[in-house]
Amino acid sequence: MIIPWRFIACAKGFYEPALYSAGRFVTFIGDIDGTEQQKIGEYKYSFPRLKADTVHLWPKRPNVVYVPYYDPFWDPFWPYYYRPYYHRR
């Protein structure tokens, strides 16, 4: 489960915005260095500021499509479901 937390990460150097785009996974390791006030819409929000020592950009994950297996010649209910029903008097 992925929890989208909002925080501000500060690290030394330049990080290419095209590489660090939406949908990519990033890991930051560092210390909390106070808070910073910014707006989200019309509301002020206090973001924790992280002084990042290590920044790791994870490789892109391939899209995996699950195709369920279906065998039209196998029926688990065959001997019971298709029995003829004889009514006794």
Protein backbone atom coordinates (compact mmCIF):
# COMPACT_ATOMS: atom_id res chain seq x y z
CA MET A 1 0.00 0.00 0.00
CA ILE A 2 1.34 3.41 -0.94
CA ILE A 3 0.49 6.34 1.33
CA PRO A 4 0.94 9.76 -0.33
CA TRP A 5 2.56 11.92 2.32
CA ARG A 6 3.23 15.57 1.69
CA PHE A 7 6.59 16.92 2.69
CA ILE A 8 9.41 19.04 1.30
CA ALA A 9 12.74 17.31 0.70
CA CYS A 10 15.84 19.48 0.45
CA ALA A 11 19.03 17.95 -0.98
CA LYS A 12 22.27 19.24 -2.41
CA GLY A 13 22.69 19.36 -6.18
CA PHE A 14 20.33 19.55 -9.13
CA TYR A 15 17.65 16.94 -9.77
CA GLU A 16 16.21 16.79 -13.28
CA PRO A 17 12.43 17.42 -13.16
CA ALA A 18 11.86 15.19 -16.19
CA LEU A 19 13.35 12.20 -14.33
CA TYR A 20 11.63 12.94 -11.01
CA SER A 21 8.14 13.21 -12.52
CA ALA A 22 4.73 12.12 -11.26
CA GLY A 23 4.28 8.38 -10.95
CA ARG A 24 7.92 7.63 -10.10
CA PHE A 25 8.97 6.18 -6.73
CA VAL A 26 11.64 8.02 -4.72
CA THR A 27 13.22 7.19 -1.37
CA PHE A 28 14.66 9.94 0.84
CA ILE A 29 16.88 9.33 3.86
CA GLY A 30 17.65 12.20 6.18
CA ASP A 31 16.62 14.25 9.20
CA ILE A 32 13.51 16.35 9.82
CA ASP A 33 14.55 20.01 9.79
CA GLY A 34 11.46 21.93 10.93
CA THR A 35 8.34 22.86 9.00
CA GLU A 36 7.42 25.19 6.17
CA GLN A 37 4.06 26.90 5.57
CA GLN A 38 2.58 26.75 2.05
CA LYS A 39 -0.88 26.87 0.55
CA ILE A 40 -2.90 23.98 -0.86
CA GLY A 41 -5.79 25.64 -2.67
CA GLU A 42 -7.06 28.25 -0.21
CA TYR A 43 -5.76 26.56 2.96
CA LYS A 44 -2.41 26.97 4.64
CA TYR A 45 -0.64 23.69 5.32
CA SER A 46 2.42 23.04 7.45
CA PHE A 47 4.79 20.77 5.50
CA PRO A 48 7.58 18.94 7.32
CA ARG A 49 10.95 19.81 5.79
CA LEU A 50 13.36 16.90 5.31
CA LYS A 51 17.09 17.51 5.01
CA ALA A 52 17.84 14.60 2.65
CA ASP A 53 21.27 12.99 2.80
CA THR A 54 20.40 10.22 0.32
CA VAL A 55 18.01 10.34 -2.63
CA HIS A 56 17.23 7.13 -4.53
CA LEU A 57 15.10 7.11 -7.70
CA TRP A 58 13.67 3.63 -8.30
CA PRO A 59 13.53 2.22 -11.83
CA LYS A 60 10.23 2.30 -13.69
CA ARG A 61 8.07 -0.75 -13.14
CA PRO A 62 6.73 -2.57 -16.18
CA ASN A 63 2.98 -2.76 -16.58
CA VAL A 64 1.93 -6.33 -15.89
CA VAL A 65 -1.40 -7.48 -17.28
CA TYR A 66 -2.93 -10.50 -15.58
CA VAL A 67 -4.81 -12.76 -17.96
CA PRO A 68 -6.79 -15.44 -16.13
CA TYR A 69 -6.45 -18.97 -17.48
CA TYR A 70 -9.61 -20.42 -18.96
CA ASP A 71 -9.97 -23.94 -20.30
CA PRO A 72 -13.26 -24.43 -22.15
CA PHE A 73 -12.96 -28.24 -21.93
CA TRP A 74 -12.62 -28.46 -18.14
CA ASP A 75 -15.68 -28.14 -15.94
CA PRO A 76 -15.34 -28.73 -12.18
CA PHE A 77 -19.09 -29.46 -11.82
CA TRP A 78 -19.32 -31.99 -14.65
CA PRO A 79 -20.29 -35.22 -12.88
CA TYR A 80 -22.82 -33.59 -10.56
CA TYR A 81 -24.31 -30.63 -12.34
CA TYR A 82 -25.18 -32.41 -15.59
CA ARG A 83 -26.79 -35.53 -14.05
CA PRO A 84 -30.26 -36.15 -15.35
CA TYR A 85 -32.92 -35.62 -12.74
CA TYR A 86 -35.51 -38.37 -12.49
CA HIS A 87 -38.65 -37.66 -10.56
CA ARG A 88 -39.93 -40.54 -8.43
CA ARG A 89 -43.59 -40.98 -7.71
